[in-house]
């Protein structure tokens, strides 16, 4: 079954905000990726596709290298929640660095009220579900708060495949990967080895449940063995790394007919491939909120109540 693609017009505000930021004359245009797991690679790959539309490509730097006058773009994801204490410090950096502009790509927000309140009118915060939107609009009253679907829902898989074919996707390029993004060939081989150990059952059903701080009882003890998103972690500062990990994950999901998961981007990746998807919630309601905001009308996606 083919999914109903996300309506591209729903990213109009995001595209406009990024274009406005890129056209400003002051400071460097800087992209600060959201460090994360293999699922976050899908978001990062989609981000680079959005950046292809800009008149200039941002320079990718860690948050510690931001300086006064910079125009910053921070990656999308789910980092601004109490489970990840570093997020409060990052918000303080954004508030106090003297940035000329900031766009935070679609995120989930919970907690960190004091830090969000420090952000000024130069900040545009995109929320990927309406619970976050209502919360941020209330506590970050000086910011421009907007809604956008999760960035991975806008991922063009055909364009991703074509780009990797052009640069040489084959796993023979492990040594090139190590040179490009400060990750050892051993780490990449470990990722491939762990992926290869996960496969759908005889009926084509693949179950992937969280084993980290956002886990629930779903998946039980075997969650650690099949939590494919947790098999890889990175700062995702190189586009080739983002794209390669994304396509490796998509290749696994493409072997299934049905994917049942509480890993958001496992579910999104499977949905984009046209698989039947059953979503379960994570520990604080993120998946339910995103399903209600962007996925409830997809014919191949359902939610396990």
C-alpha atoms as a PDB file:
ATOM      1  CA  UNK A   1       0.000   0.000   0.000  1.00  0.00           C
ATOM      2  CA  UNK A   2       1.233   3.483  -0.831  1.00  0.00           C
ATOM      3  CA  UNK A   3       0.901   6.062   1.973  1.00  0.00           C
ATOM      4  CA  UNK A   4      -0.722   9.386   1.454  1.00  0.00           C
ATOM      5  CA  UNK A   5       2.276  11.743   1.343  1.00  0.00           C
ATOM      6  CA  UNK A   6       2.433  14.641   3.758  1.00  0.00           C
ATOM      7  CA  UNK A   7       0.994  17.789   2.219  1.00  0.00           C
ATOM      8  CA  UNK A   8       4.041  19.814   1.186  1.00  0.00           C
ATOM      9  CA  UNK A   9       2.194  23.043   1.879  1.00  0.00           C
ATOM     10  CA  UNK A  10       2.310  22.204   5.591  1.00  0.00           C
ATOM     11  CA  UNK A  11       6.022  23.043   5.489  1.00  0.00           C
ATOM     12  CA  UNK A  12       5.400  26.473   3.936  1.00  0.00           C
ATOM     13  CA  UNK A  13       6.018  28.381   7.174  1.00  0.00           C
ATOM     14  CA  UNK A  14       9.202  26.432   7.824  1.00  0.00           C
ATOM     15  CA  UNK A  15      10.524  27.020   4.308  1.00  0.00           C
ATOM     16  CA  UNK A  16       9.705  30.717   4.589  1.00  0.00           C
ATOM     17  CA  UNK A  17      11.454  31.053   7.959  1.00  0.00           C
ATOM     18  CA  UNK A  18      14.585  29.280   6.726  1.00  0.00           C
ATOM     19  CA  UNK A  19      14.678  31.399   3.573  1.00  0.00           C
ATOM     20  CA  UNK A  20      14.298  34.614   5.587  1.00  0.00           C
ATOM     21  CA  UNK A  21      17.125  33.560   7.896  1.00  0.00           C
ATOM     22  CA  UNK A  22      19.379  32.660   4.971  1.00  0.00           C
ATOM     23  CA  UNK A  23      18.769  36.012   3.286  1.00  0.00           C
ATOM     24  CA  UNK A  24      19.754  38.084   6.298  1.00  0.00           C
ATOM     25  CA  UNK A  25      23.137  39.742   5.883  1.00  0.00           C
ATOM     26  CA  UNK A  26      24.391  39.639   9.476  1.00  0.00           C
ATOM     27  CA  UNK A  27      26.606  36.853  10.806  1.00  0.00           C
ATOM     28  CA  UNK A  28      27.229  33.272   9.741  1.00  0.00           C
ATOM     29  CA  UNK A  29      24.422  30.884   8.807  1.00  0.00           C
ATOM     30  CA  UNK A  30      25.050  27.973  11.179  1.00  0.00           C
ATOM     31  CA  UNK A  31      23.348  24.599  11.478  1.00  0.00           C
ATOM     32  CA  UNK A  32      23.599  22.937  14.893  1.00  0.00           C
ATOM     33  CA  UNK A  33      22.450  19.319  14.491  1.00  0.00           C
ATOM     34  CA  UNK A  34      20.478  17.570  17.169  1.00  0.00           C
ATOM     35  CA  UNK A  35      22.666  14.765  18.494  1.00  0.00           C
ATOM     36  CA  UNK A  36      20.721  11.546  18.635  1.00  0.00           C
ATOM     37  CA  UNK A  37      20.153   7.961  17.539  1.00  0.00           C
ATOM     38  CA  UNK A  38      19.616   6.290  14.186  1.00  0.00           C
ATOM     39  CA  UNK A  39      16.048   7.556  14.052  1.00  0.00           C
ATOM     40  CA  UNK A  40      17.332  11.107  14.327  1.00  0.00           C
ATOM     41  CA  UNK A  41      19.328  10.498  11.145  1.00  0.00           C
ATOM     42  CA  UNK A  42      16.020  10.586   9.214  1.00  0.00           C
ATOM     43  CA  UNK A  43      15.322  14.060  10.580  1.00  0.00           C
ATOM     44  CA  UNK A  44      18.844  15.210   9.746  1.00  0.00           C
ATOM     45  CA  UNK A  45      18.660  13.869   6.181  1.00  0.00           C
ATOM     46  CA  UNK A  46      15.371  15.665   5.660  1.00  0.00           C
ATOM     47  CA  UNK A  47      16.903  18.860   7.072  1.00  0.00           C
ATOM     48  CA  UNK A  48      19.713  18.759   4.508  1.00  0.00           C
ATOM     49  CA  UNK A  49      17.113  18.353   1.753  1.00  0.00           C
ATOM     50  CA  UNK A  50      15.404  21.517   2.999  1.00  0.00           C
ATOM     51  CA  UNK A  51      18.776  23.299   3.079  1.00  0.00           C
ATOM     52  CA  UNK A  52      19.261  22.431  -0.607  1.00  0.00           C
ATOM     53  CA  UNK A  53      16.518  24.983  -1.309  1.00  0.00           C
ATOM     54  CA  UNK A  54      18.389  27.837   0.378  1.00  0.00           C
ATOM     55  CA  UNK A  55      20.546  30.361  -1.478  1.00  0.00           C
ATOM     56  CA  UNK A  56      23.496  29.374   0.737  1.00  0.00           C
ATOM     57  CA  UNK A  57      24.289  26.217   2.648  1.00  0.00           C
ATOM     58  CA  UNK A  58      24.723  26.590   6.410  1.00  0.00           C
ATOM     59  CA  UNK A  59      28.014  25.684   8.023  1.00  0.00           C
ATOM     60  CA  UNK A  60      27.576  22.802  10.458  1.00  0.00           C
ATOM     61  CA  UNK A  61      29.027  23.517  13.911  1.00  0.00           C
ATOM     62  CA  UNK A  62      28.572  22.326  17.504  1.00  0.00           C
ATOM     63  CA  UNK A  63      26.578  24.568  19.800  1.00  0.00           C
ATOM     64  CA  UNK A  64      29.738  25.533  21.694  1.00  0.00           C
ATOM     65  CA  UNK A  65      31.049  27.354  18.605  1.00  0.00           C
ATOM     66  CA  UNK A  66      28.102  29.710  18.185  1.00  0.00           C
ATOM     67  CA  UNK A  67      29.051  33.370  18.448  1.00  0.00           C
ATOM     68  CA  UNK A  68      27.329  36.734  18.610  1.00  0.00           C
ATOM     69  CA  UNK A  69      25.602  37.721  15.388  1.00  0.00           C
ATOM     70  CA  UNK A  70      25.208  34.188  14.046  1.00  0.00           C
ATOM     71  CA  UNK A  71      22.021  33.075  12.345  1.00  0.00           C
ATOM     72  CA  UNK A  72      21.429  29.635  13.835  1.00  0.00           C
ATOM     73  CA  UNK A  73      19.324  26.648  12.825  1.00  0.00           C
ATOM     74  CA  UNK A  74      18.909  23.931  15.461  1.00  0.00           C
ATOM     75  CA  UNK A  75      17.925  20.429  14.394  1.00  0.00           C
ATOM     76  CA  UNK A  76      14.525  18.867  14.904  1.00  0.00           C
ATOM     77  CA  UNK A  77      13.641  16.026  17.248  1.00  0.00           C
ATOM     78  CA  UNK A  78      12.542  15.444  20.817  1.00  0.00           C
ATOM     79  CA  UNK A  79      15.407  16.717  22.936  1.00  0.00           C
ATOM     80  CA  UNK A  80      13.673  19.587  24.775  1.00  0.00           C
ATOM     81  CA  UNK A  81      12.050  17.407  27.417  1.00  0.00           C
ATOM     82  CA  UNK A  82      13.018  16.695  31.057  1.00  0.00           C
ATOM     83  CA  UNK A  83      14.515  13.306  30.138  1.00  0.00           C
ATOM     84  CA  UNK A  84      17.444  15.150  28.516  1.00  0.00           C
ATOM     85  CA  UNK A  85      18.885  17.676  31.005  1.00  0.00           C
ATOM     86  CA  UNK A  86      21.392  19.160  28.528  1.00  0.00           C
ATOM     87  CA  UNK A  87      18.495  20.792  26.689  1.00  0.00           C
ATOM     88  CA  UNK A  88      18.095  23.425  29.402  1.00  0.00           C
ATOM     89  CA  UNK A  89      21.716  24.482  28.925  1.00  0.00           C
ATOM     90  CA  UNK A  90      21.273  24.654  25.150  1.00  0.00           C
ATOM     91  CA  UNK A  91      18.259  26.933  25.521  1.00  0.00           C
ATOM     92  CA  UNK A  92      20.338  29.194  27.766  1.00  0.00           C
ATOM     93  CA  UNK A  93      23.047  29.335  25.092  1.00  0.00           C
ATOM     94  CA  UNK A  94      20.466  30.364  22.492  1.00  0.00           C
ATOM     95  CA  UNK A  95      19.090  33.058  24.786  1.00  0.00           C
ATOM     96  CA  UNK A  96      22.465  34.532  25.777  1.00  0.00           C
ATOM     97  CA  UNK A  97      24.716  34.069  22.714  1.00  0.00           C
ATOM     98  CA  UNK A  98      23.593  37.286  20.998  1.00  0.00           C
ATOM     99  CA  UNK A  99      22.262  35.480  17.923  1.00  0.00           C
ATOM    100  CA  UNK A 100      20.793  37.640  15.181  1.00  0.00           C
ATOM    101  CA  UNK A 101      18.267  34.920  14.447  1.00  0.00           C
ATOM    102  CA  UNK A 102      17.357  31.388  15.499  1.00  0.00           C
ATOM    103  CA  UNK A 103      15.098  28.775  13.916  1.00  0.00           C
ATOM    104  CA  UNK A 104      14.520  25.594  15.902  1.00  0.00           C
ATOM    105  CA  UNK A 105      13.330  22.903  13.503  1.00  0.00           C
ATOM    106  CA  UNK A 106      10.225  20.890  14.501  1.00  0.00           C
ATOM    107  CA  UNK A 107      10.656  19.673  18.061  1.00  0.00           C
ATOM    108  CA  UNK A 108       8.671  18.334  20.981  1.00  0.00           C
ATOM    109  CA  UNK A 109       8.773  20.592  24.042  1.00  0.00           C
ATOM    110  CA  UNK A 110       7.972  19.715  27.645  1.00  0.00           C
ATOM    111  CA  UNK A 111       9.322  21.413  30.781  1.00  0.00           C
ATOM    112  CA  UNK A 112      12.245  23.895  30.722  1.00  0.00           C
ATOM    113  CA  UNK A 113       9.781  26.744  31.281  1.00  0.00           C
ATOM    114  CA  UNK A 114      12.323  29.186  32.725  1.00  0.00           C
ATOM    115  CA  UNK A 115      14.786  28.624  29.899  1.00  0.00           C
ATOM    116  CA  UNK A 116      12.130  28.959  27.200  1.00  0.00           C
ATOM    117  CA  UNK A 117      10.949  32.210  28.777  1.00  0.00           C
ATOM    118  CA  UNK A 118      14.442  33.675  28.278  1.00  0.00           C
ATOM    119  CA  UNK A 119      14.251  33.347  24.490  1.00  0.00           C
ATOM    120  CA  UNK A 120      13.657  36.596  22.644  1.00  0.00           C
ATOM    121  CA  UNK A 121      11.859  37.763  19.483  1.00  0.00           C
ATOM    122  CA  UNK A 122      14.755  36.714  17.259  1.00  0.00           C
ATOM    123  CA  UNK A 123      13.753  33.092  17.937  1.00  0.00           C
ATOM    124  CA  UNK A 124      11.305  31.080  15.813  1.00  0.00           C
ATOM    125  CA  UNK A 125      10.329  27.791  17.421  1.00  0.00           C
ATOM    126  CA  UNK A 126       8.611  25.090  15.368  1.00  0.00           C
ATOM    127  CA  UNK A 127       6.549  22.531  17.274  1.00  0.00           C
ATOM    128  CA  UNK A 128       5.733  19.198  15.664  1.00  0.00           C
ATOM    129  CA  UNK A 129       2.526  18.579  17.603  1.00  0.00           C
ATOM    130  CA  UNK A 130      -0.154  20.752  19.165  1.00  0.00           C
ATOM    131  CA  UNK A 131       0.531  19.869  22.808  1.00  0.00           C
ATOM    132  CA  UNK A 132       3.982  21.401  22.394  1.00  0.00           C
ATOM    133  CA  UNK A 133       2.590  24.344  20.439  1.00  0.00           C
ATOM    134  CA  UNK A 134       0.100  25.303  23.158  1.00  0.00           C
ATOM    135  CA  UNK A 135       2.764  24.888  25.847  1.00  0.00           C
ATOM    136  CA  UNK A 136       5.497  26.900  24.089  1.00  0.00           C
ATOM    137  CA  UNK A 137       3.127  29.661  23.019  1.00  0.00           C
ATOM    138  CA  UNK A 138       2.263  30.133  26.684  1.00  0.00           C
ATOM    139  CA  UNK A 139       5.741  29.990  28.257  1.00  0.00           C
ATOM    140  CA  UNK A 140       7.914  31.478  25.472  1.00  0.00           C
ATOM    141  CA  UNK A 141       5.775  34.539  24.974  1.00  0.00           C
ATOM    142  CA  UNK A 142       8.444  36.623  23.233  1.00  0.00           C
ATOM    143  CA  UNK A 143       9.154  34.021  20.524  1.00  0.00           C
ATOM    144  CA  UNK A 144       7.515  33.367  17.197  1.00  0.00           C
ATOM    145  CA  UNK A 145       5.904  29.952  17.789  1.00  0.00           C
ATOM    146  CA  UNK A 146       4.716  27.919  14.816  1.00  0.00           C
ATOM    147  CA  UNK A 147       3.588  24.422  13.893  1.00  0.00           C
ATOM    148  CA  UNK A 148       5.257  22.119  11.386  1.00  0.00           C
ATOM    149  CA  UNK A 149       5.063  18.347  10.942  1.00  0.00           C
ATOM    150  CA  UNK A 150       8.040  16.309  12.047  1.00  0.00           C
ATOM    151  CA  UNK A 151      10.754  16.946   9.485  1.00  0.00           C
ATOM    152  CA  UNK A 152      11.198  13.256   8.618  1.00  0.00           C
ATOM    153  CA  UNK A 153       7.672  13.207   7.196  1.00  0.00           C
ATOM    154  CA  UNK A 154       8.994  15.436   4.418  1.00  0.00           C
ATOM    155  CA  UNK A 155      11.909  13.136   3.570  1.00  0.00           C
ATOM    156  CA  UNK A 156      12.200  12.432  -0.168  1.00  0.00           C
ATOM    157  CA  UNK A 157      13.445   8.837  -0.173  1.00  0.00           C
ATOM    158  CA  UNK A 158      13.911   8.699  -3.942  1.00  0.00           C
ATOM    159  CA  UNK A 159      16.129  11.790  -3.832  1.00  0.00           C
ATOM    160  CA  UNK A 160      18.027  10.302  -0.882  1.00  0.00           C
ATOM    161  CA  UNK A 161      18.722   7.090  -2.794  1.00  0.00           C
ATOM    162  CA  UNK A 162      19.806   9.003  -5.893  1.00  0.00           C
ATOM    163  CA  UNK A 163      22.200  11.175  -3.911  1.00  0.00           C
ATOM    164  CA  UNK A 164      23.841   8.208  -2.213  1.00  0.00           C
ATOM    165  CA  UNK A 165      24.177   6.379  -5.511  1.00  0.00           C
ATOM    166  CA  UNK A 166      25.934   9.458  -6.880  1.00  0.00           C
ATOM    167  CA  UNK A 167      28.495   9.500  -4.050  1.00  0.00           C
ATOM    168  CA  UNK A 168      28.898   5.720  -3.911  1.00  0.00           C
ATOM    169  CA  UNK A 169      26.553   4.167  -1.385  1.00  0.00           C
ATOM    170  CA  UNK A 170      28.213   0.719  -1.301  1.00  0.00           C
ATOM    171  CA  UNK A 171      29.395  -0.537   2.049  1.00  0.00           C
ATOM    172  CA  UNK A 172      32.837  -0.772   0.480  1.00  0.00           C
ATOM    173  CA  UNK A 173      33.085   2.919   1.411  1.00  0.00           C
ATOM    174  CA  UNK A 174      33.500   2.237   5.145  1.00  0.00           C
ATOM    175  CA  UNK A 175      36.974   3.767   5.145  1.00  0.00           C
ATOM    176  CA  UNK A 176      35.614   6.902   3.466  1.00  0.00           C
ATOM    177  CA  UNK A 177      32.977   7.167   6.173  1.00  0.00           C
ATOM    178  CA  UNK A 178      35.623   7.020   8.900  1.00  0.00           C
ATOM    179  CA  UNK A 179      37.503   9.873   7.262  1.00  0.00           C
ATOM    180  CA  UNK A 180      34.425  11.988   6.746  1.00  0.00           C
ATOM    181  CA  UNK A 181      32.838  12.130  10.156  1.00  0.00           C
ATOM    182  CA  UNK A 182      35.165  11.068  12.961  1.00  0.00           C
ATOM    183  CA  UNK A 183      33.550   7.681  13.383  1.00  0.00           C
ATOM    184  CA  UNK A 184      35.572   4.493  13.228  1.00  0.00           C
ATOM    185  CA  UNK A 185      34.938   1.864  10.595  1.00  0.00           C
ATOM    186  CA  UNK A 186      34.494  -0.532  13.521  1.00  0.00           C
ATOM    187  CA  UNK A 187      31.504   1.452  14.789  1.00  0.00           C
ATOM    188  CA  UNK A 188      29.855   1.390  11.383  1.00  0.00           C
ATOM    189  CA  UNK A 189      30.475  -2.337  10.991  1.00  0.00           C
ATOM    190  CA  UNK A 190      28.935  -2.877  14.443  1.00  0.00           C
ATOM    191  CA  UNK A 191      25.849  -0.941  13.318  1.00  0.00           C
ATOM    192  CA  UNK A 192      25.506  -3.123  10.217  1.00  0.00           C
ATOM    193  CA  UNK A 193      26.085  -6.311  12.205  1.00  0.00           C
ATOM    194  CA  UNK A 194      23.403  -5.435  14.764  1.00  0.00           C
ATOM    195  CA  UNK A 195      20.933  -4.456  12.047  1.00  0.00           C
ATOM    196  CA  UNK A 196      21.527  -7.767  10.274  1.00  0.00           C
ATOM    197  CA  UNK A 197      20.482  -9.641  13.432  1.00  0.00           C
ATOM    198  CA  UNK A 198      17.013  -8.064  13.356  1.00  0.00           C
ATOM    199  CA  UNK A 199      14.428  -9.368  10.935  1.00  0.00           C
ATOM    200  CA  UNK A 200      10.659  -9.676  10.604  1.00  0.00           C
ATOM    201  CA  UNK A 201       8.926 -12.865  11.726  1.00  0.00           C
ATOM    202  CA  UNK A 202       7.551 -15.418   9.279  1.00  0.00           C
ATOM    203  CA  UNK A 203       4.427 -13.301   8.776  1.00  0.00           C
ATOM    204  CA  UNK A 204       6.471 -10.216   7.884  1.00  0.00           C
ATOM    205  CA  UNK A 205       5.883  -8.472  11.217  1.00  0.00           C
ATOM    206  CA  UNK A 206       8.711  -6.415  12.721  1.00  0.00           C
ATOM    207  CA  UNK A 207       8.482  -5.193  16.331  1.00  0.00           C
ATOM    208  CA  UNK A 208      10.753  -2.370  17.521  1.00  0.00           C
ATOM    209  CA  UNK A 209      10.265  -0.977  21.022  1.00  0.00           C
ATOM    210  CA  UNK A 210      12.275   1.529  23.036  1.00  0.00           C
ATOM    211  CA  UNK A 211      14.832   0.403  25.585  1.00  0.00           C
ATOM    212  CA  UNK A 212      15.992   3.891  26.683  1.00  0.00           C
ATOM    213  CA  UNK A 213      14.747   6.660  28.983  1.00  0.00           C
ATOM    214  CA  UNK A 214      11.440   6.908  27.081  1.00  0.00           C
ATOM    215  CA  UNK A 215      10.672   3.183  27.234  1.00  0.00           C
ATOM    216  CA  UNK A 216       7.404   1.651  28.386  1.00  0.00           C
ATOM    217  CA  UNK A 217       6.451  -1.907  29.232  1.00  0.00           C
ATOM    218  CA  UNK A 218       5.861  -2.585  25.522  1.00  0.00           C
ATOM    219  CA  UNK A 219       8.359  -4.959  24.004  1.00  0.00           C
ATOM    220  CA  UNK A 220       9.370  -6.493  27.302  1.00  0.00           C
ATOM    221  CA  UNK A 221      12.842  -7.908  27.786  1.00  0.00           C
ATOM    222  CA  UNK A 222      13.503  -8.359  24.067  1.00  0.00           C
ATOM    223  CA  UNK A 223      13.290  -4.590  23.437  1.00  0.00           C
ATOM    224  CA  UNK A 224      17.050  -4.196  23.891  1.00  0.00           C
ATOM    225  CA  UNK A 225      17.671  -6.744  21.143  1.00  0.00           C
ATOM    226  CA  UNK A 226      15.416  -5.061  18.579  1.00  0.00           C
ATOM    227  CA  UNK A 227      15.636  -1.354  19.460  1.00  0.00           C
ATOM    228  CA  UNK A 228      17.318  -0.551  16.153  1.00  0.00           C
ATOM    229  CA  UNK A 229      17.290   3.208  16.711  1.00  0.00           C
ATOM    230  CA  UNK A 230      19.490   2.708  19.760  1.00  0.00           C
ATOM    231  CA  UNK A 231      22.058   0.716  17.766  1.00  0.00           C
ATOM    232  CA  UNK A 232      23.699   3.928  16.560  1.00  0.00           C
ATOM    233  CA  UNK A 233      24.356   7.354  18.059  1.00  0.00           C
ATOM    234  CA  UNK A 234      26.042  10.412  16.618  1.00  0.00           C
ATOM    235  CA  UNK A 235      26.257  14.179  16.457  1.00  0.00           C
ATOM    236  CA  UNK A 236      25.287  13.858  12.760  1.00  0.00           C
ATOM    237  CA  UNK A 237      27.513  16.687  11.572  1.00  0.00           C
ATOM    238  CA  UNK A 238      28.185  15.167   8.147  1.00  0.00           C
ATOM    239  CA  UNK A 239      25.449  14.785   5.560  1.00  0.00           C
ATOM    240  CA  UNK A 240      26.873  11.554   4.173  1.00  0.00           C
ATOM    241  CA  UNK A 241      26.633   9.958   7.607  1.00  0.00           C
ATOM    242  CA  UNK A 242      23.019  11.101   8.038  1.00  0.00           C
ATOM    243  CA  UNK A 243      22.008   9.801   4.624  1.00  0.00           C
ATOM    244  CA  UNK A 244      23.824   6.475   4.905  1.00  0.00           C
ATOM    245  CA  UNK A 245      22.439   5.606   8.357  1.00  0.00           C
ATOM    246  CA  UNK A 246      18.967   6.668   7.210  1.00  0.00           C
ATOM    247  CA  UNK A 247      19.050   4.415   4.171  1.00  0.00           C
ATOM    248  CA  UNK A 248      20.479   1.489   6.134  1.00  0.00           C
ATOM    249  CA  UNK A 249      17.529   1.794   8.525  1.00  0.00           C
ATOM    250  CA  UNK A 250      15.031   2.142   5.675  1.00  0.00           C
ATOM    251  CA  UNK A 251      16.485  -0.946   4.009  1.00  0.00           C
ATOM    252  CA  UNK A 252      15.734  -2.959   7.152  1.00  0.00           C
ATOM    253  CA  UNK A 253      12.198  -1.596   7.423  1.00  0.00           C
ATOM    254  CA  UNK A 254      11.602  -2.404   3.771  1.00  0.00           C
ATOM    255  CA  UNK A 255      11.958  -6.125   4.553  1.00  0.00           C
ATOM    256  CA  UNK A 256       8.794  -6.011   6.689  1.00  0.00           C
ATOM    257  CA  UNK A 257       5.140  -5.946   5.775  1.00  0.00           C
ATOM    258  CA  UNK A 258       3.959  -4.612   9.143  1.00  0.00           C
ATOM    259  CA  UNK A 259       5.944  -2.608  11.694  1.00  0.00           C
ATOM    260  CA  UNK A 260       4.780  -2.250  15.301  1.00  0.00           C
ATOM    261  CA  UNK A 261       6.758   0.278  17.312  1.00  0.00           C
ATOM    262  CA  UNK A 262       6.958   3.085  19.834  1.00  0.00           C
ATOM    263  CA  UNK A 263      10.045   4.456  18.061  1.00  0.00           C
ATOM    264  CA  UNK A 264       8.649   7.454  16.203  1.00  0.00           C
ATOM    265  CA  UNK A 265      11.073   7.449  13.294  1.00  0.00           C
ATOM    266  CA  UNK A 266      10.942   3.701  12.840  1.00  0.00           C
ATOM    267  CA  UNK A 267       7.200   4.227  12.408  1.00  0.00           C
ATOM    268  CA  UNK A 268       7.635   7.232  10.120  1.00  0.00           C
ATOM    269  CA  UNK A 269      10.245   5.460   7.991  1.00  0.00           C
ATOM    270  CA  UNK A 270       7.992   2.422   7.607  1.00  0.00           C
ATOM    271  CA  UNK A 271       5.000   4.628   6.778  1.00  0.00           C
ATOM    272  CA  UNK A 272       6.987   6.453   4.085  1.00  0.00           C
ATOM    273  CA  UNK A 273       7.813   3.060   2.558  1.00  0.00           C
ATOM    274  CA  UNK A 274       4.125   2.147   2.443  1.00  0.00           C
ATOM    275  CA  UNK A 275       4.248  -0.472   5.198  1.00  0.00           C
ATOM    276  CA  UNK A 276       1.402  -1.085   7.597  1.00  0.00           C
ATOM    277  CA  UNK A 277       2.348   0.630  10.866  1.00  0.00           C
ATOM    278  CA  UNK A 278       0.964   0.233  14.381  1.00  0.00           C
ATOM    279  CA  UNK A 279       2.210   2.943  16.732  1.00  0.00           C
ATOM    280  CA  UNK A 280       2.421   2.699  20.512  1.00  0.00           C
ATOM    281  CA  UNK A 281       3.097   5.646  22.797  1.00  0.00           C
ATOM    282  CA  UNK A 282       6.365   6.425  24.513  1.00  0.00           C
ATOM    283  CA  UNK A 283       6.668   7.293  28.197  1.00  0.00           C
ATOM    284  CA  UNK A 284       5.180  10.802  28.018  1.00  0.00           C
ATOM    285  CA  UNK A 285       2.707  10.887  25.140  1.00  0.00           C
ATOM    286  CA  UNK A 286       4.896  12.083  22.265  1.00  0.00           C
ATOM    287  CA  UNK A 287       3.781   9.552  19.677  1.00  0.00           C
ATOM    288  CA  UNK A 288       0.094  10.036  20.396  1.00  0.00           C
ATOM    289  CA  UNK A 289       0.463  13.796  19.997  1.00  0.00           C
ATOM    290  CA  UNK A 290       2.350  13.465  16.692  1.00  0.00           C
ATOM    291  CA  UNK A 291      -0.072  10.849  15.409  1.00  0.00           C
ATOM    292  CA  UNK A 292      -3.002  13.177  16.136  1.00  0.00           C
ATOM    293  CA  UNK A 293      -1.226  16.127  14.506  1.00  0.00           C
ATOM    294  CA  UNK A 294       0.093  14.522  11.329  1.00  0.00           C
ATOM    295  CA  UNK A 295      -0.530  10.786  10.909  1.00  0.00           C
ATOM    296  CA  UNK A 296      -4.102   9.928  11.848  1.00  0.00           C
ATOM    297  CA  UNK A 297      -5.323  10.296   8.262  1.00  0.00           C
ATOM    298  CA  UNK A 298      -2.622   8.058   6.763  1.00  0.00           C
ATOM    299  CA  UNK A 299      -4.422   4.861   5.611  1.00  0.00           C
ATOM    300  CA  UNK A 300      -1.461   2.622   6.526  1.00  0.00           C
ATOM    301  CA  UNK A 301      -0.884   3.986  10.053  1.00  0.00           C
ATOM    302  CA  UNK A 302      -2.916   3.160  13.156  1.00  0.00           C
ATOM    303  CA  UNK A 303      -2.481   3.744  16.869  1.00  0.00           C
ATOM    304  CA  UNK A 304      -2.667   1.050  19.542  1.00  0.00           C
ATOM    305  CA  UNK A 305      -4.954   2.517  22.204  1.00  0.00           C
END
